[in-house]
Amino acid sequence: MDNNLLTEAINLTLFGMGFVFVFLALMVVLTSFMSSSVLKLQPLVPGNSAAPIQADNLIDEDTRSIIEKAIKLHTGA
């Protein structure tokens, strides 16, 4: 009886590990396929096409000083 129970436990363990291995391998293959297909279909976007945003024009001096004080307080400088 114990031999049959041990055999079933080993069989179930190997079946479960095999199922997980097949699932993960299939997921890696499908993810790689989706990534390569997106790279082929997506148009190339140049990296530096947009003009950089200058933060000087977006915030006033009071806000700038508050941010600088918060950074100094946080970093301990």
Protein backbone atom coordinates (compact mmCIF):
# COMPACT_ATOMS: atom_id res chain seq x y z
CA MET A 1 0.00 0.00 0.00
CA ASP A 2 2.78 2.45 0.86
CA ASN A 3 4.58 1.62 -2.36
CA ASN A 4 1.50 2.49 -4.42
CA LEU A 5 0.98 5.73 -2.48
CA LEU A 6 4.63 6.72 -2.97
CA THR A 7 4.42 5.94 -6.69
CA GLU A 8 1.32 8.09 -7.07
CA ALA A 9 2.97 10.94 -5.15
CA ILE A 10 6.05 10.84 -7.38
CA ASN A 11 3.87 10.59 -10.48
CA LEU A 12 1.79 13.61 -9.41
CA THR A 13 4.92 15.60 -8.55
CA LEU A 14 6.55 14.92 -11.91
CA PHE A 15 3.33 15.66 -13.76
CA GLY A 16 2.95 18.99 -11.93
CA MET A 17 6.57 19.99 -12.51
CA GLY A 18 6.28 19.04 -16.17
CA PHE A 19 3.12 21.07 -16.58
CA VAL A 20 4.75 24.14 -15.01
CA PHE A 21 7.85 23.72 -17.17
CA VAL A 22 5.80 23.44 -20.38
CA PHE A 23 3.65 26.42 -19.39
CA LEU A 24 6.65 28.63 -18.65
CA ALA A 25 8.49 27.56 -21.81
CA LEU A 26 5.39 28.30 -23.89
CA MET A 27 5.02 31.68 -22.20
CA VAL A 28 8.64 32.59 -22.99
CA VAL A 29 8.26 31.56 -26.63
CA LEU A 30 4.98 33.46 -27.08
CA THR A 31 6.33 36.56 -25.34
CA SER A 32 9.41 36.54 -27.55
CA PHE A 33 7.23 36.13 -30.63
CA MET A 34 4.96 39.01 -29.59
CA SER A 35 7.96 41.23 -28.87
CA SER A 36 9.55 40.56 -32.25
CA SER A 37 6.26 41.10 -34.09
CA VAL A 38 5.68 44.43 -32.30
CA LEU A 39 9.20 45.57 -33.17
CA LYS A 40 8.58 44.71 -36.83
CA LEU A 41 5.16 46.41 -37.00
CA GLN A 42 5.93 49.50 -34.96
CA PRO A 43 7.36 52.42 -36.92
CA LEU A 44 10.78 53.60 -35.83
CA VAL A 45 10.64 56.57 -33.51
CA PRO A 46 13.79 58.68 -33.28
CA GLY A 47 15.00 59.07 -29.72
CA ASN A 48 15.67 62.81 -29.62
CA SER A 49 12.98 64.10 -31.94
CA ALA A 50 11.12 66.14 -29.31
CA ALA A 51 12.56 69.37 -28.00
CA PRO A 52 13.55 69.19 -24.36
CA ILE A 53 11.19 70.88 -21.94
CA GLN A 54 12.80 73.60 -19.90
CA ALA A 55 11.55 73.58 -16.34
CA ASP A 56 12.63 77.20 -15.83
CA ASN A 57 9.61 78.46 -17.73
CA LEU A 58 7.09 76.18 -16.04
CA ILE A 59 7.54 77.04 -12.34
CA ASP A 60 7.96 80.31 -10.49
CA GLU A 61 10.69 81.20 -8.01
CA ASP A 62 8.64 80.42 -4.89
CA THR A 63 7.86 76.92 -6.11
CA ARG A 64 11.49 76.41 -7.13
CA SER A 65 12.74 77.42 -3.68
CA ILE A 66 10.22 75.14 -1.96
CA ILE A 67 11.30 72.20 -4.13
CA GLU A 68 14.99 72.90 -3.47
CA LYS A 69 14.37 73.06 0.30
CA ALA A 70 12.41 69.78 0.20
CA ILE A 71 15.22 68.08 -1.71
CA LYS A 72 17.82 69.37 0.75
CA LEU A 73 15.70 68.24 3.67
CA HIS A 74 15.18 64.80 2.14
CA THR A 75 18.81 64.21 1.18
CA GLY A 76 20.16 65.70 4.38
CA ALA A 77 22.49 68.07 2.53
